[in-house]
Amino acid sequence: MATAVLRFSRSLVSRNAAVVSRNTGLKSSHTPRLNQLRTAVSTATGGVLPKPDKVSFGLIRMTVVVIPFLYVGTLISKNFAALLEEHDIFVPEDDDDDD
């Protein structure tokens, strides 16, 4: 895991160094040509694009998504609990410790 993080950070540093050297006009023969990394925020000429339109995720949309999945989840868990109890895999004991 640590070696993967080290390799990833080294690749980011070498990419950033190559982009900086390309942008300053310094040419080196050992630096590969890299494409611009963030084309989604700028045009090919370097202009900054406007912010994208934000799609609101209102309470109604959230309710339409969440409620059916909660209902299906409760049905699955209820049926699975009944199946476990039917096969005596997990049956809670009726111990009353109120003595």
C-alpha atoms as a PDB file:
ATOM      1  CA  MET A   1       0.000   0.000   0.000  1.00  0.00           C
ATOM      2  CA  ALA A   2       2.749   2.412   0.925  1.00  0.00           C
ATOM      3  CA  THR A   3       4.679   1.660  -2.259  1.00  0.00           C
ATOM      4  CA  ALA A   4       1.581   2.315  -4.349  1.00  0.00           C
ATOM      5  CA  VAL A   5       1.102   5.685  -2.656  1.00  0.00           C
ATOM      6  CA  LEU A   6       4.781   6.501  -3.210  1.00  0.00           C
ATOM      7  CA  ARG A   7       4.581   5.580  -6.906  1.00  0.00           C
ATOM      8  CA  PHE A   8       1.400   7.609  -7.327  1.00  0.00           C
ATOM      9  CA  SER A   9       2.912  10.685  -5.668  1.00  0.00           C
ATOM     10  CA  ARG A  10       6.062  10.390  -7.779  1.00  0.00           C
ATOM     11  CA  SER A  11       4.002  10.197 -10.959  1.00  0.00           C
ATOM     12  CA  LEU A  12       2.036  13.299  -9.922  1.00  0.00           C
ATOM     13  CA  VAL A  13       5.229  15.226  -9.203  1.00  0.00           C
ATOM     14  CA  SER A  14       6.797  14.246 -12.514  1.00  0.00           C
ATOM     15  CA  ARG A  15       3.585  15.145 -14.381  1.00  0.00           C
ATOM     16  CA  ASN A  16       3.361  18.530 -12.689  1.00  0.00           C
ATOM     17  CA  ALA A  17       7.045  19.222 -13.398  1.00  0.00           C
ATOM     18  CA  ALA A  18       6.541  18.344 -17.057  1.00  0.00           C
ATOM     19  CA  VAL A  19       3.523  20.626 -17.337  1.00  0.00           C
ATOM     20  CA  VAL A  20       5.385  23.488 -15.662  1.00  0.00           C
ATOM     21  CA  SER A  21       8.415  23.073 -17.887  1.00  0.00           C
ATOM     22  CA  ARG A  22       6.183  22.928 -20.970  1.00  0.00           C
ATOM     23  CA  ASN A  23       4.276  26.033 -19.958  1.00  0.00           C
ATOM     24  CA  THR A  24       7.418  28.075 -19.296  1.00  0.00           C
ATOM     25  CA  GLY A  25       8.768  27.296 -22.703  1.00  0.00           C
ATOM     26  CA  LEU A  26      11.717  25.216 -21.520  1.00  0.00           C
ATOM     27  CA  LYS A  27      12.105  22.196 -23.740  1.00  0.00           C
ATOM     28  CA  SER A  28      13.839  19.088 -22.523  1.00  0.00           C
ATOM     29  CA  SER A  29      14.365  15.984 -24.570  1.00  0.00           C
ATOM     30  CA  HIS A  30      13.661  13.543 -21.739  1.00  0.00           C
ATOM     31  CA  THR A  31      10.267  15.038 -20.758  1.00  0.00           C
ATOM     32  CA  PRO A  32       7.383  13.374 -22.606  1.00  0.00           C
ATOM     33  CA  ARG A  33       4.637  15.530 -24.099  1.00  0.00           C
ATOM     34  CA  LEU A  34       1.639  15.547 -21.780  1.00  0.00           C
ATOM     35  CA  ASN A  35      -1.879  16.616 -22.521  1.00  0.00           C
ATOM     36  CA  GLN A  36      -3.422  19.284 -20.376  1.00  0.00           C
ATOM     37  CA  LEU A  37      -4.856  17.561 -17.320  1.00  0.00           C
ATOM     38  CA  ARG A  38      -7.869  19.735 -16.605  1.00  0.00           C
ATOM     39  CA  THR A  39      -9.629  20.256 -19.907  1.00  0.00           C
ATOM     40  CA  ALA A  40     -13.024  20.397 -18.196  1.00  0.00           C
ATOM     41  CA  VAL A  41     -12.368  23.815 -16.628  1.00  0.00           C
ATOM     42  CA  SER A  42     -10.612  25.554 -19.493  1.00  0.00           C
ATOM     43  CA  THR A  43     -10.815  25.808 -23.249  1.00  0.00           C
ATOM     44  CA  ALA A  44      -8.059  24.839 -25.643  1.00  0.00           C
ATOM     45  CA  THR A  45      -6.926  28.464 -25.795  1.00  0.00           C
ATOM     46  CA  GLY A  46      -6.752  28.714 -21.991  1.00  0.00           C
ATOM     47  CA  GLY A  47      -9.993  30.521 -21.247  1.00  0.00           C
ATOM     48  CA  VAL A  48     -11.881  29.526 -18.121  1.00  0.00           C
ATOM     49  CA  LEU A  49     -15.270  27.960 -18.766  1.00  0.00           C
ATOM     50  CA  PRO A  50     -18.327  29.154 -16.831  1.00  0.00           C
ATOM     51  CA  LYS A  51     -19.625  27.136 -13.892  1.00  0.00           C
ATOM     52  CA  PRO A  52     -21.857  24.229 -14.909  1.00  0.00           C
ATOM     53  CA  ASP A  53     -25.570  24.395 -14.183  1.00  0.00           C
ATOM     54  CA  LYS A  54     -26.411  22.927 -10.817  1.00  0.00           C
ATOM     55  CA  VAL A  55     -29.226  20.401 -10.819  1.00  0.00           C
ATOM     56  CA  SER A  56     -31.137  20.724  -7.590  1.00  0.00           C
ATOM     57  CA  PHE A  57     -31.805  17.473  -5.778  1.00  0.00           C
ATOM     58  CA  GLY A  58     -34.912  18.446  -3.864  1.00  0.00           C
ATOM     59  CA  LEU A  59     -36.676  16.782  -1.010  1.00  0.00           C
ATOM     60  CA  ILE A  60     -39.277  15.215  -3.291  1.00  0.00           C
ATOM     61  CA  ARG A  61     -36.665  13.542  -5.494  1.00  0.00           C
ATOM     62  CA  MET A  62     -34.787  12.285  -2.462  1.00  0.00           C
ATOM     63  CA  THR A  63     -38.004  10.882  -0.980  1.00  0.00           C
ATOM     64  CA  VAL A  64     -38.889   9.126  -4.242  1.00  0.00           C
ATOM     65  CA  VAL A  65     -35.510   7.361  -4.149  1.00  0.00           C
ATOM     66  CA  VAL A  66     -35.125   6.624  -0.433  1.00  0.00           C
ATOM     67  CA  ILE A  67     -38.603   5.393   0.564  1.00  0.00           C
ATOM     68  CA  PRO A  68     -38.863   2.467  -1.920  1.00  0.00           C
ATOM     69  CA  PHE A  69     -35.392   1.209  -1.041  1.00  0.00           C
ATOM     70  CA  LEU A  70     -36.128   1.405   2.684  1.00  0.00           C
ATOM     71  CA  TYR A  71     -39.346  -0.525   2.125  1.00  0.00           C
ATOM     72  CA  VAL A  72     -37.613  -3.216   0.048  1.00  0.00           C
ATOM     73  CA  GLY A  73     -34.849  -3.482   2.658  1.00  0.00           C
ATOM     74  CA  THR A  74     -37.343  -3.994   5.483  1.00  0.00           C
ATOM     75  CA  LEU A  75     -39.189  -6.653   3.470  1.00  0.00           C
ATOM     76  CA  ILE A  76     -35.968  -8.540   2.792  1.00  0.00           C
ATOM     77  CA  SER A  77     -34.835  -8.411   6.416  1.00  0.00           C
ATOM     78  CA  LYS A  78     -38.270  -9.445   7.717  1.00  0.00           C
ATOM     79  CA  ASN A  79     -38.464 -12.421   5.336  1.00  0.00           C
ATOM     80  CA  PHE A  80     -34.899 -13.476   6.123  1.00  0.00           C
ATOM     81  CA  ALA A  81     -35.557 -13.304   9.869  1.00  0.00           C
ATOM     82  CA  ALA A  82     -38.669 -15.464   9.399  1.00  0.00           C
ATOM     83  CA  LEU A  83     -36.643 -17.970   7.372  1.00  0.00           C
ATOM     84  CA  LEU A  84     -33.969 -18.186  10.070  1.00  0.00           C
ATOM     85  CA  GLU A  85     -36.573 -18.702  12.756  1.00  0.00           C
ATOM     86  CA  GLU A  86     -38.377 -21.323  10.683  1.00  0.00           C
ATOM     87  CA  HIS A  87     -35.230 -23.401  10.297  1.00  0.00           C
ATOM     88  CA  ASP A  88     -34.247 -22.920  13.937  1.00  0.00           C
ATOM     89  CA  ILE A  89     -30.988 -21.270  12.966  1.00  0.00           C
ATOM     90  CA  PHE A  90     -31.584 -18.230  15.096  1.00  0.00           C
ATOM     91  CA  VAL A  91     -34.416 -18.384  17.571  1.00  0.00           C
ATOM     92  CA  PRO A  92     -34.432 -15.937  20.440  1.00  0.00           C
ATOM     93  CA  GLU A  93     -35.062 -17.574  23.773  1.00  0.00           C
ATOM     94  CA  ASP A  94     -37.872 -16.369  25.982  1.00  0.00           C
ATOM     95  CA  ASP A  95     -35.890 -15.868  29.144  1.00  0.00           C
ATOM     96  CA  ASP A  96     -37.469 -13.548  31.605  1.00  0.00           C
ATOM     97  CA  ASP A  97     -34.926 -12.063  33.918  1.00  0.00           C
ATOM     98  CA  ASP A  98     -37.441  -9.991  35.832  1.00  0.00           C
ATOM     99  CA  ASP A  99     -37.067 -12.076  39.009  1.00  0.00           C
END
